[in-house]
Amino acid sequence: MAKIVTAAEAAGLVEDGMRLGVQGIICTSVPEALIQALGDRYRETGSPKNIKLFSESGIGDAAEGGLNALAQDGLIGELYTAHMGTVPQLQKMVKDNKFPAYIVPQGVNAQLVRAIAGKKPGVITHVGVKTYADPREEGCKGNQAAIDAGREVVELMELDGKEYLRYLPFGIDICFIRGTSADELGNLSIEKESIQFDQFELATAVHNCGGIVIAQVEKVVEHGNLKPHEVVIPGTLIDYVVVSDEKHHRQCIAEDAYHPEWCGEARIPVTAVKPAKLDQRKVCGRRAAYLLKKGDHMNLGIGMPESVSAVAAEEGFSGEITLSVECGIYGGVPMGGLQICSAHNPDCIISHVSTFDIYDGGGIDVAVLGAAEVDEKGNVNVSKFNGKTTGPGGFINITQSTQNVAFVGTSTAGGNKYEIGGGKLKIVQEGKNIKFKKNVEQISFSGEYAAETGKNILYITERAVFKLVKGGIELIEIAPGVDLQKDILEQMEFKPLISEHLKEMDACLFTDEPMGMKLPER
């Protein structure tokens, strides 16, 4: 039977050098009371020291929330995660080499937790081959401290004449997970959560490692009050339960509001979702939507790709496709920004790890992801800039496993300004930073691997569309109103191949009114 304790008492169970697993992604499904209590304990007592922190993906609100609370000298001795974009305080410590950091693809992390639970020999997968995760590149080592530590977390192997990576398992001593309700025996339900973020897998892994499982909940109810189908973790796996205050148990830690339409408790009209304004994001989202056919399953990445969701709602074809987000949401209208792991009116919410089983097996028809840097070989970088590690999140799993992928982003960054309307694009002020580089700083997506495996890859910007072909990337479309030489070629560090059939992007992409877009049949 699980024991009910305070957050401070639960934090007191973490000992020096323990490997701590923490559930959550960005601002969603975060056991904030437990994280903050551990940060407070270290600040007040200097204990525990040198914990090995594991999270499947980044947990933070880009300020003080989430794992940012643990960014204190001496508290962390090692970090193992997939993304740090919303955890800037930890990100700075990684750059400063305060401890070794291992940055592993998010889907691999989810599957690795399940493998640890089943005492399996790690995860063997194609995910990461010829990217920075490959031991022939960086082997997931996120800083110099990780290189110096000498620990290997991934190895190259060959099976049936094909190259794979084996990500190595490890023990997890204690974990912080989260649910909505627990009964007196510790059975856990998640009725108010907007995602199902591997509570079960992490609890099972820690339990089977002989560790301590701590669950944060909103309330404890009498045994028998939870419906069996709503229980996602049996009480036999949970050792301690913490009833959180409302402040530390928000649905999304970046805001106070509770959204019943995120968890299926209610629905809202799709018309309540405001059309996106006409800007460079919307142009890219519209062009990416051209890849869709009726019945398609599309994954959207964080950032500019989110605009595809708004375009689908505005054009009225949301119901003709299935949009999914890597945290396990299917259908509805996915949110953006710090709320990216939630959706209005989702049709289905499955576990995070199960989503990556679908993704890794090629179960997505189209994926739309961001691109911070692109090089002449078609490689893409989203994970490291100016020596500062951000991490790929689920980017590598998605892009390596999907047949049709569009990378979206502006051609330049830093101060770019546009006039968009009347079917044309005018570049008023060019960005200071070129994004089409001779070589990317880190390979998050391998153009070579994509070409070898026959993927259909587009690179969509506000002013041009490129396609991955043999020998590099080929310019196939330019925006009406831009100059090929001045606005495109001079804003690249390399000269792309240019299609013999180069054409203008559709003028309707650059108009204020809805495009009247109709999806073709498969």
Protein backbone atom coordinates (compact mmCIF):
# COMPACT_ATOMS: atom_id res chain seq x y z
CA MET A 1 0.00 0.00 0.00
CA ALA A 2 1.39 3.43 -0.97
CA LYS A 3 2.19 5.81 1.85
CA ILE A 4 0.94 9.41 1.72
CA VAL A 5 3.72 11.92 2.42
CA THR A 6 4.43 15.60 1.84
CA ALA A 7 6.46 16.86 -1.11
CA ALA A 8 9.30 17.76 1.25
CA GLU A 9 9.29 14.27 2.76
CA ALA A 10 9.34 12.74 -0.72
CA ALA A 11 12.26 14.94 -1.78
CA GLY A 12 14.08 13.71 1.31
CA LEU A 13 14.12 10.19 -0.14
CA VAL A 14 16.54 11.20 -2.92
CA GLU A 15 20.08 10.30 -1.84
CA ASP A 16 23.51 11.35 -3.09
CA GLY A 17 24.40 9.86 -6.47
CA MET A 18 20.97 8.34 -7.12
CA ARG A 19 19.63 8.23 -10.66
CA LEU A 20 16.37 10.18 -10.58
CA GLY A 21 13.81 9.79 -13.38
CA VAL A 22 11.34 12.65 -13.79
CA GLN A 23 8.16 12.46 -15.87
CA GLY A 24 6.98 15.29 -18.10
CA ILE A 25 7.56 17.24 -21.31
CA ILE A 26 7.97 21.01 -21.60
CA CYS A 27 5.13 22.33 -19.38
CA THR A 28 2.81 19.32 -19.45
CA SER A 29 2.44 16.32 -17.15
CA VAL A 30 5.05 17.77 -14.79
CA PRO A 31 5.29 16.71 -11.10
CA GLU A 32 6.14 20.30 -10.22
CA ALA A 33 5.60 20.01 -6.46
CA LEU A 34 8.21 17.24 -6.23
CA ILE A 35 10.74 19.01 -8.46
CA GLN A 36 10.43 22.27 -6.56
CA ALA A 37 10.67 20.47 -3.22
CA LEU A 38 13.92 18.80 -4.28
CA GLY A 39 15.31 22.14 -5.45
CA ASP A 40 14.32 23.75 -2.15
CA ARG A 41 15.86 20.94 -0.14
CA TYR A 42 19.22 21.28 -1.89
CA ARG A 43 19.17 25.06 -1.54
CA GLU A 44 18.55 24.76 2.19
CA THR A 45 20.70 21.73 3.10
CA GLY A 46 23.17 21.11 0.28
CA SER A 47 21.78 17.59 -0.17
CA PRO A 48 21.48 15.40 -2.20
CA LYS A 49 24.64 15.80 -4.24
CA ASN A 50 25.58 14.60 -7.71
CA ILE A 51 22.31 12.96 -8.67
CA LYS A 52 22.05 11.47 -12.15
CA LEU A 53 19.05 13.22 -13.67
CA PHE A 54 17.03 11.43 -16.36
CA SER A 55 14.07 12.87 -18.26
CA GLU A 56 12.72 11.59 -21.55
CA SER A 57 12.48 15.15 -22.83
CA GLY A 58 12.94 18.72 -21.64
CA ILE A 59 10.79 19.85 -18.71
CA GLY A 60 10.56 23.59 -18.22
CA ASP A 61 8.81 26.87 -18.92
CA ALA A 62 11.89 28.76 -20.16
CA ALA A 63 12.07 30.53 -16.77
CA GLU A 64 12.02 29.08 -13.23
CA GLY A 65 9.67 26.13 -13.66
CA GLY A 66 10.34 22.45 -14.22
CA LEU A 67 13.92 21.20 -14.14
CA ASN A 68 15.23 24.78 -14.05
CA ALA A 69 14.68 24.50 -10.29
CA LEU A 70 17.43 21.86 -10.11
CA ALA A 71 20.04 24.03 -11.86
CA GLN A 72 22.20 24.41 -8.75
CA ASP A 73 25.93 23.73 -8.52
CA GLY A 74 26.61 20.30 -7.05
CA LEU A 75 23.05 18.97 -7.18
CA ILE A 76 23.36 17.30 -10.59
CA GLY A 77 26.27 15.01 -11.43
CA GLU A 78 24.98 13.81 -14.81
CA LEU A 79 22.14 14.65 -17.19
CA TYR A 80 20.47 12.31 -19.68
CA THR A 81 17.66 13.84 -21.77
CA ALA A 82 16.47 14.69 -25.28
CA HIS A 83 15.85 18.43 -25.20
CA MET A 84 16.74 21.52 -23.18
CA GLY A 85 15.14 24.34 -25.15
CA THR A 86 12.79 25.29 -22.30
CA VAL A 87 15.32 24.58 -19.55
CA PRO A 88 17.78 27.46 -20.07
CA GLN A 89 19.34 27.32 -16.62
CA LEU A 90 20.32 23.67 -17.03
CA GLN A 91 21.31 24.36 -20.63
CA LYS A 92 23.84 26.95 -19.46
CA MET A 93 25.31 24.49 -16.95
CA VAL A 94 25.71 21.93 -19.73
CA LYS A 95 27.51 24.47 -21.92
CA ASP A 96 29.75 25.37 -18.97
CA ASN A 97 30.58 21.67 -18.48
CA LYS A 98 29.31 21.53 -14.92
CA PHE A 99 28.47 17.84 -15.46
CA PRO A 100 28.36 15.32 -18.33
CA ALA A 101 25.25 15.60 -20.52
CA TYR A 102 23.97 12.90 -22.86
CA ILE A 103 21.42 14.02 -25.44
CA VAL A 104 19.50 11.02 -26.77
CA PRO A 105 16.54 11.05 -29.22
CA GLN A 106 13.27 11.34 -27.32
CA GLY A 107 11.56 8.29 -28.75
CA VAL A 108 14.61 6.21 -27.92
CA ASN A 109 14.42 7.44 -24.32
CA ALA A 110 10.79 6.38 -24.08
CA GLN A 111 11.54 2.94 -25.49
CA LEU A 112 14.63 2.63 -23.33
CA VAL A 113 12.55 3.11 -20.17
CA ARG A 114 10.32 0.26 -21.30
CA ALA A 115 13.39 -1.86 -22.08
CA ILE A 116 14.80 -1.17 -18.60
CA ALA A 117 11.47 -2.21 -17.11
CA GLY A 118 11.64 -5.54 -18.95
CA LYS A 119 15.35 -6.08 -18.21
CA LYS A 120 16.10 -6.05 -21.94
CA PRO A 121 19.54 -5.27 -23.43
CA GLY A 122 18.65 -1.72 -24.44
CA VAL A 123 17.06 -0.41 -27.63
CA ILE A 124 18.26 -1.54 -31.06
CA THR A 125 17.00 0.84 -33.76
CA HIS A 126 17.77 2.66 -36.99
CA VAL A 127 17.01 5.95 -35.22
CA GLY A 128 20.10 8.12 -35.08
CA VAL A 129 22.20 6.39 -37.75
CA LYS A 130 24.44 8.99 -39.47
CA THR A 131 23.27 11.77 -37.12
CA TYR A 132 25.13 13.20 -34.13
CA ALA A 133 23.79 10.24 -32.10
CA ASP A 134 25.90 7.82 -34.13
CA PRO A 135 29.16 6.85 -32.33
CA ARG A 136 31.00 7.68 -35.55
CA GLU A 137 29.83 11.27 -35.04
CA GLU A 138 29.28 12.39 -31.43
CA GLY A 139 27.67 9.38 -29.79
CA CYS A 140 25.02 11.52 -28.00
CA LYS A 141 27.69 13.34 -25.96
CA GLY A 142 26.29 16.79 -25.33
CA ASN A 143 29.36 18.55 -23.96
CA GLN A 144 33.08 18.20 -23.31
CA ALA A 145 32.40 16.87 -19.82
CA ALA A 146 30.58 13.90 -21.39
CA ILE A 147 33.49 13.27 -23.75
CA ASP A 148 35.95 13.40 -20.85
CA ALA A 149 33.80 11.10 -18.69
CA GLY A 150 34.44 8.19 -21.06
CA ARG A 151 30.95 6.75 -20.72
CA GLU A 152 29.38 5.34 -23.88
CA VAL A 153 25.59 5.38 -24.12
CA VAL A 154 25.23 4.07 -27.68
CA GLU A 155 27.06 1.65 -29.94
CA LEU A 156 27.01 0.82 -33.65
CA MET A 157 26.08 -2.69 -34.74
CA GLU A 158 25.14 -4.58 -37.89
CA LEU A 159 22.23 -6.98 -38.31
CA ASP A 160 21.30 -8.69 -41.57
CA GLY A 161 23.69 -6.41 -43.44
CA LYS A 162 22.14 -3.20 -42.12
CA GLU A 163 23.50 -0.66 -39.65
CA TYR A 164 21.71 -0.09 -36.35
CA LEU A 165 22.39 1.68 -33.09
CA ARG A 166 22.08 0.02 -29.70
CA TYR A 167 21.28 2.44 -26.89
CA LEU A 168 22.51 0.98 -23.62
CA PRO A 169 20.27 0.47 -20.56
CA PHE A 170 20.95 1.64 -17.02
CA GLY A 171 19.33 1.43 -13.59
CA ILE A 172 16.93 4.08 -12.24
CA ASP A 173 16.85 4.38 -8.45
CA ILE A 174 13.91 6.70 -7.85
CA CYS A 175 11.31 8.58 -9.87
CA PHE A 176 8.81 11.43 -9.73
CA ILE A 177 5.62 10.73 -11.71
CA ARG A 178 2.25 12.45 -11.88
CA GLY A 179 -1.43 11.59 -12.11
CA THR A 180 -4.79 13.15 -11.26
CA SER A 181 -6.15 10.81 -8.59
CA ALA A 182 -4.83 7.98 -6.45
CA ASP A 183 -6.86 5.69 -4.25
CA GLU A 184 -5.85 4.43 -0.82
CA LEU A 185 -3.88 1.56 -2.36
CA GLY A 186 -1.94 3.82 -4.72
CA ASN A 187 -3.83 2.98 -7.93
CA LEU A 188 -3.33 6.00 -10.21
CA SER A 189 -5.61 7.65 -12.80
CA ILE A 190 -4.99 10.57 -15.17
CA GLU A 191 -8.45 11.90 -16.04
CA LYS A 192 -7.44 15.58 -16.05
CA GLU A 193 -4.09 15.17 -17.79
CA SER A 194 -3.83 16.35 -21.40
CA ILE A 195 -1.34 13.55 -22.24
CA GLN A 196 -0.31 10.11 -21.03
CA PHE A 197 3.42 10.59 -20.62
CA ASP A 198 4.80 7.17 -19.72
CA GLN A 199 3.90 7.17 -16.05
CA PHE A 200 3.43 3.43 -16.23
CA GLU A 201 6.70 2.69 -18.03
CA LEU A 202 8.82 4.84 -15.71
CA ALA A 203 7.15 3.47 -12.57
CA THR A 204 7.64 -0.09 -13.81
CA ALA A 205 11.30 0.50 -14.67
CA VAL A 206 12.06 1.94 -11.25
CA HIS A 207 10.03 -0.71 -9.41
CA ASN A 208 11.80 -3.51 -11.30
CA CYS A 209 15.17 -1.90 -10.55
CA GLY A 210 14.31 -2.14 -6.84
CA GLY A 211 13.85 1.63 -6.61
CA ILE A 212 11.35 4.08 -5.14
CA VAL A 213 8.29 5.31 -7.05
CA ILE A 214 6.76 8.61 -5.94
CA ALA A 215 3.51 9.87 -7.48
CA GLN A 216 2.17 13.43 -7.30
CA VAL A 217 -1.62 13.73 -7.52
CA GLU A 218 -4.42 16.23 -7.13
CA LYS A 219 -6.40 14.12 -4.69
CA VAL A 220 -6.66 10.76 -2.91
CA VAL A 221 -9.98 8.93 -3.13
CA GLU A 222 -11.44 5.93 -1.37
CA HIS A 223 -10.53 2.53 -2.78
CA GLY A 224 -13.15 1.45 -5.31
CA ASN A 225 -13.89 4.96 -6.60
CA LEU A 226 -11.59 4.69 -9.62
CA LYS A 227 -12.85 2.82 -12.66
CA PRO A 228 -10.45 0.00 -13.59
CA HIS A 229 -10.13 1.23 -17.19
CA GLU A 230 -9.10 4.67 -15.91
CA VAL A 231 -6.27 3.35 -13.76
CA VAL A 232 -2.99 3.64 -15.68
CA ILE A 233 -0.71 2.36 -12.89
CA PRO A 234 -1.58 -0.34 -10.36
CA GLY A 235 -0.88 0.56 -6.77
CA THR A 236 1.61 -2.29 -6.43
CA LEU A 237 4.10 -0.16 -8.40
CA ILE A 238 3.76 3.00 -6.29
CA ASP A 239 5.54 3.48 -2.97
CA TYR A 240 4.60 7.05 -2.00
CA VAL A 241 1.84 9.48 -2.93
CA VAL A 242 2.06 13.27 -2.58
CA VAL A 243 -1.10 15.37 -2.72
CA SER A 244 -0.05 18.61 -4.36
CA ASP A 245 -1.43 22.09 -3.87
CA GLU A 246 -3.18 23.65 -6.86
CA LYS A 247 -0.25 25.94 -7.71
CA HIS A 248 2.07 23.00 -8.37
CA HIS A 249 -0.46 20.77 -10.10
CA ARG A 250 -1.54 22.86 -13.06
CA GLN A 251 -2.47 21.11 -16.29
CA CYS A 252 0.21 23.23 -17.99
CA ILE A 253 2.76 24.79 -15.64
CA ALA A 254 3.01 27.88 -17.86
CA GLU A 255 -0.57 28.98 -17.07
CA ASP A 256 -3.18 28.81 -14.34
CA ALA A 257 -6.22 27.90 -16.44
CA TYR A 258 -7.65 24.39 -16.60
CA HIS A 259 -8.82 23.34 -20.09
CA PRO A 260 -11.42 20.55 -19.98
CA GLU A 261 -11.31 20.33 -23.80
CA TRP A 262 -7.68 19.17 -23.60
CA CYS A 263 -8.54 15.93 -21.80
CA GLY A 264 -11.91 15.08 -23.32
CA GLU A 265 -13.98 16.39 -20.42
CA ALA A 266 -15.58 18.92 -22.79
CA ARG A 267 -15.38 20.10 -26.39
CA ILE A 268 -15.22 23.56 -27.92
CA PRO A 269 -16.25 24.67 -31.43
CA VAL A 270 -13.33 24.61 -33.88
CA THR A 271 -14.46 28.11 -34.92
CA ALA A 272 -13.21 29.25 -31.52
CA VAL A 273 -9.67 28.68 -32.80
CA LYS A 274 -8.68 32.02 -34.33
CA PRO A 275 -7.18 32.02 -37.86
CA ALA A 276 -3.45 32.70 -37.88
CA LYS A 277 -2.35 36.12 -39.10
CA LEU A 278 -0.76 36.35 -42.54
CA ASP A 279 2.97 36.19 -41.93
CA GLN A 280 5.98 34.05 -42.84
CA ARG A 281 4.80 31.28 -40.49
CA LYS A 282 1.44 31.03 -42.19
CA VAL A 283 3.02 31.02 -45.67
CA CYS A 284 5.22 28.06 -44.71
CA GLY A 285 2.33 26.27 -43.01
CA ARG A 286 0.14 26.68 -46.07
CA ARG A 287 2.81 25.36 -48.42
CA ALA A 288 3.51 22.39 -46.15
CA ALA A 289 -0.22 21.58 -46.14
CA TYR A 290 0.07 20.90 -49.89
CA LEU A 291 1.70 17.58 -48.99
CA LEU A 292 -1.55 16.33 -47.45
CA LYS A 293 -4.16 14.01 -48.88
CA LYS A 294 -7.49 12.97 -47.42
CA GLY A 295 -7.06 10.46 -44.64
CA ASP A 296 -3.40 11.30 -44.03
CA HIS A 297 -1.76 11.09 -40.63
CA MET A 298 0.52 14.08 -40.09
CA ASN A 299 2.96 14.85 -37.30
CA LEU A 300 3.70 18.45 -36.37
CA GLY A 301 6.88 19.64 -34.67
CA ILE A 302 7.19 22.55 -32.28
CA GLY A 303 7.53 26.12 -33.56
CA MET A 304 6.67 27.08 -37.13
CA PRO A 305 5.21 23.64 -38.00
CA GLU A 306 2.38 24.39 -35.59
CA SER A 307 0.99 26.78 -38.21
CA VAL A 308 -0.21 23.78 -40.28
CA SER A 309 -2.76 23.03 -37.56
CA ALA A 310 -4.16 26.56 -37.76
CA VAL A 311 -4.25 26.38 -41.57
CA ALA A 312 -6.18 23.09 -41.44
CA ALA A 313 -8.74 24.63 -39.08
CA GLU A 314 -9.13 27.78 -41.19
CA GLU A 315 -9.47 25.87 -44.46
CA GLY A 316 -11.96 23.47 -42.91
CA PHE A 317 -10.18 20.16 -43.53
CA SER A 318 -9.14 19.36 -39.96
CA GLY A 319 -11.64 16.51 -39.95
CA GLU A 320 -10.23 15.00 -43.16
CA ILE A 321 -6.78 14.32 -41.71
CA THR A 322 -5.34 13.20 -38.39
CA LEU A 323 -2.84 15.50 -36.80
CA SER A 324 -0.67 14.01 -34.08
CA VAL A 325 1.89 15.33 -31.66
CA GLU A 326 4.75 13.13 -30.46
CA CYS A 327 3.54 13.13 -26.86
CA GLY A 328 0.60 10.91 -27.88
CA ILE A 329 -2.21 13.23 -29.01
CA TYR A 330 -4.24 12.31 -32.08
CA GLY A 331 -6.86 14.48 -33.75
CA GLY A 332 -8.27 17.78 -32.67
CA VAL A 333 -6.35 21.04 -33.01
CA PRO A 334 -2.87 20.85 -31.44
CA MET A 335 -1.77 23.87 -29.44
CA GLY A 336 1.47 25.82 -29.88
CA GLY A 337 4.27 27.33 -27.84
CA LEU A 338 4.60 26.08 -24.29
CA GLN A 339 1.20 24.37 -24.71
CA ILE A 340 2.40 22.24 -27.64
CA CYS A 341 1.71 19.01 -25.74
CA SER A 342 -2.02 19.70 -25.56
CA ALA A 343 -4.81 19.91 -28.13
CA HIS A 344 -8.36 21.19 -28.35
CA ASN A 345 -10.81 18.30 -28.78
CA PRO A 346 -8.37 15.40 -29.22
CA ASP A 347 -9.83 12.19 -30.60
CA CYS A 348 -7.34 9.95 -28.84
CA ILE A 349 -4.58 10.19 -26.25
CA ILE A 350 -2.23 7.21 -26.13
CA SER A 351 1.03 6.72 -24.28
CA HIS A 352 4.10 8.60 -25.42
CA VAL A 353 6.12 5.41 -25.96
CA SER A 354 3.34 3.81 -28.03
CA THR A 355 3.31 6.86 -30.29
CA PHE A 356 6.96 6.33 -31.11
CA ASP A 357 6.27 2.69 -31.94
CA ILE A 358 3.89 4.01 -34.60
CA TYR A 359 6.31 6.69 -35.75
CA ASP A 360 9.43 4.51 -35.90
CA GLY A 361 7.63 1.94 -38.01
CA GLY A 362 6.73 4.51 -40.67
CA GLY A 363 3.15 4.99 -39.49
CA ILE A 364 3.07 8.70 -40.35
CA ASP A 365 2.21 9.81 -43.89
CA VAL A 366 3.63 13.33 -43.60
CA ALA A 367 5.80 15.07 -41.01
CA VAL A 368 6.39 18.82 -40.76
CA LEU A 369 9.36 19.88 -38.65
CA GLY A 370 11.44 23.00 -38.13
CA ALA A 371 14.88 23.62 -39.58
CA ALA A 372 17.39 25.96 -37.99
CA GLU A 373 20.27 25.15 -40.35
CA VAL A 374 20.42 23.30 -43.68
CA ASP A 375 23.61 22.44 -45.57
CA GLU A 376 24.41 21.57 -49.18
CA LYS A 377 24.04 17.83 -48.49
CA GLY A 378 20.52 18.31 -47.17
CA ASN A 379 21.55 17.78 -43.53
CA VAL A 380 19.48 19.68 -40.97
CA ASN A 381 20.49 20.98 -37.54
CA VAL A 382 17.96 21.70 -34.80
CA SER A 383 19.98 20.57 -31.81
CA LYS A 384 23.14 22.64 -31.28
CA PHE A 385 24.03 26.28 -31.95
CA ASN A 386 27.22 28.19 -31.19
CA GLY A 387 28.34 25.38 -28.92
CA LYS A 388 25.07 25.48 -26.98
CA THR A 389 23.25 22.15 -26.88
CA THR A 390 19.46 22.24 -27.24
CA GLY A 391 18.73 18.65 -28.21
CA PRO A 392 16.43 17.23 -30.89
CA GLY A 393 13.45 16.05 -28.84
CA GLY A 394 11.58 13.57 -31.05
CA PHE A 395 12.92 15.13 -34.26
CA ILE A 396 15.30 12.29 -35.18
CA ASN A 397 12.74 9.51 -34.66
CA ILE A 398 10.19 11.34 -36.78
CA THR A 399 12.36 12.52 -39.65
CA GLN A 400 14.25 9.25 -40.13
CA SER A 401 11.14 7.10 -40.11
CA THR A 402 8.64 9.09 -42.21
CA GLN A 403 8.46 8.84 -46.00
CA ASN A 404 7.33 12.43 -46.68
CA VAL A 405 8.99 15.18 -44.63
CA ALA A 406 8.84 18.96 -44.94
CA PHE A 407 11.27 21.15 -43.03
CA VAL A 408 9.92 24.66 -42.57
CA GLY A 409 11.58 27.88 -41.52
CA THR A 410 12.65 31.28 -42.79
CA SER A 411 15.65 31.52 -45.11
CA THR A 412 17.43 33.94 -42.77
CA ALA A 413 17.01 34.85 -39.11
CA GLY A 414 17.60 37.87 -36.92
CA GLY A 415 15.71 41.03 -37.84
CA ASN A 416 14.04 39.92 -41.08
CA LYS A 417 10.93 41.90 -42.03
CA TYR A 418 8.41 41.28 -44.79
CA GLU A 419 5.42 42.72 -46.57
CA ILE A 420 3.08 39.88 -47.46
CA GLY A 421 -0.16 40.33 -49.38
CA GLY A 422 -1.76 40.62 -52.77
CA GLY A 423 -0.22 37.32 -53.82
CA LYS A 424 3.36 38.48 -53.35
CA LEU A 425 6.23 38.58 -50.87
CA LYS A 426 8.46 41.60 -50.42
CA ILE A 427 11.55 41.38 -48.24
CA VAL A 428 11.79 44.72 -46.45
CA GLN A 429 14.75 43.87 -44.24
CA GLU A 430 17.00 40.85 -44.58
CA GLY A 431 17.88 38.75 -41.54
CA LYS A 432 21.42 38.95 -40.20
CA ASN A 433 21.95 35.20 -39.95
CA ILE A 434 22.07 32.87 -42.93
CA LYS A 435 20.45 29.49 -42.27
CA PHE A 436 21.53 27.68 -45.44
CA LYS A 437 25.10 26.81 -44.44
CA LYS A 438 28.03 25.14 -46.15
CA ASN A 439 28.06 22.74 -43.17
CA VAL A 440 25.62 22.49 -40.28
CA GLU A 441 27.02 22.66 -36.75
CA GLN A 442 25.43 19.34 -35.80
CA ILE A 443 23.62 16.71 -37.87
CA SER A 444 20.12 16.20 -36.46
CA PHE A 445 18.84 14.92 -39.81
CA SER A 446 21.06 13.13 -42.30
CA GLY A 447 20.45 13.96 -45.94
CA GLU A 448 22.66 11.02 -46.86
CA TYR A 449 20.54 8.56 -44.85
CA ALA A 450 17.32 10.00 -46.30
CA ALA A 451 18.62 9.65 -49.85
CA GLU A 452 19.74 6.07 -49.21
CA THR A 453 16.32 5.12 -47.84
CA GLY A 454 14.32 6.87 -50.58
CA LYS A 455 12.60 9.56 -48.53
CA ASN A 456 10.73 12.49 -50.12
CA ILE A 457 12.17 15.60 -48.46
CA LEU A 458 11.23 19.27 -48.95
CA TYR A 459 12.79 22.36 -47.40
CA ILE A 460 10.14 25.10 -47.32
CA THR A 461 10.88 28.74 -46.56
CA GLU A 462 8.84 31.91 -46.89
CA ARG A 463 10.59 32.65 -50.20
CA ALA A 464 11.62 29.32 -51.72
CA VAL A 465 11.07 25.57 -51.78
CA PHE A 466 13.93 23.07 -52.16
CA LYS A 467 13.88 19.31 -52.69
CA LEU A 468 16.43 16.69 -51.65
CA VAL A 469 17.86 15.05 -54.76
CA LYS A 470 20.93 13.04 -55.61
CA GLY A 471 23.86 15.39 -55.15
CA GLY A 472 22.26 17.83 -52.73
CA ILE A 473 19.22 20.09 -52.58
CA GLU A 474 17.45 21.51 -55.61
CA LEU A 475 15.54 24.80 -55.82
CA ILE A 476 12.11 24.03 -57.28
CA GLU A 477 9.93 27.08 -56.37
CA ILE A 478 10.43 30.76 -55.57
CA ALA A 479 7.94 33.22 -54.10
CA PRO A 480 6.30 35.76 -56.40
CA GLY A 481 7.90 39.14 -55.81
CA VAL A 482 11.40 37.96 -54.84
CA ASP A 483 14.62 38.12 -56.83
CA LEU A 484 16.34 34.79 -57.43
CA GLN A 485 19.88 36.12 -57.18
CA LYS A 486 19.54 38.79 -54.47
CA ASP A 487 16.92 37.24 -52.21
CA ILE A 488 17.74 33.56 -52.50
CA LEU A 489 21.16 32.65 -53.89
CA GLU A 490 23.02 35.49 -52.14
CA GLN A 491 21.44 34.43 -48.83
CA MET A 492 23.03 30.97 -48.97
CA GLU A 493 26.59 29.85 -48.25
CA PHE A 494 26.42 27.39 -51.14
CA LYS A 495 24.79 27.33 -54.54
CA PRO A 496 21.96 24.82 -54.75
CA LEU A 497 20.99 22.84 -57.79
CA ILE A 498 18.30 24.69 -59.72
CA SER A 499 15.43 22.81 -61.33
CA GLU A 500 14.94 23.07 -65.06
CA HIS A 501 11.26 23.46 -64.19
CA LEU A 502 11.69 26.20 -61.55
CA LYS A 503 8.32 27.86 -60.91
CA GLU A 504 6.66 30.40 -58.64
CA MET A 505 5.02 29.39 -55.41
CA ASP A 506 1.23 29.69 -55.58
CA ALA A 507 0.08 33.30 -55.20
CA CYS A 508 -2.74 32.25 -52.86
CA LEU A 509 -0.12 31.42 -50.20
CA PHE A 510 0.47 35.17 -49.92
CA THR A 511 -3.12 36.41 -49.61
CA ASP A 512 -5.17 37.33 -46.55
CA GLU A 513 -8.24 35.32 -47.49
CA PRO A 514 -8.60 31.57 -46.95
CA MET A 515 -7.19 29.65 -49.92
CA GLY A 516 -10.25 27.45 -50.43
CA MET A 517 -7.92 24.49 -50.19
CA LYS A 518 -9.37 21.06 -50.96
CA LEU A 519 -7.41 17.93 -50.12
CA PRO A 520 -6.89 15.46 -52.97
CA GLU A 521 -7.89 11.83 -52.62
CA ARG A 522 -5.17 9.31 -51.86
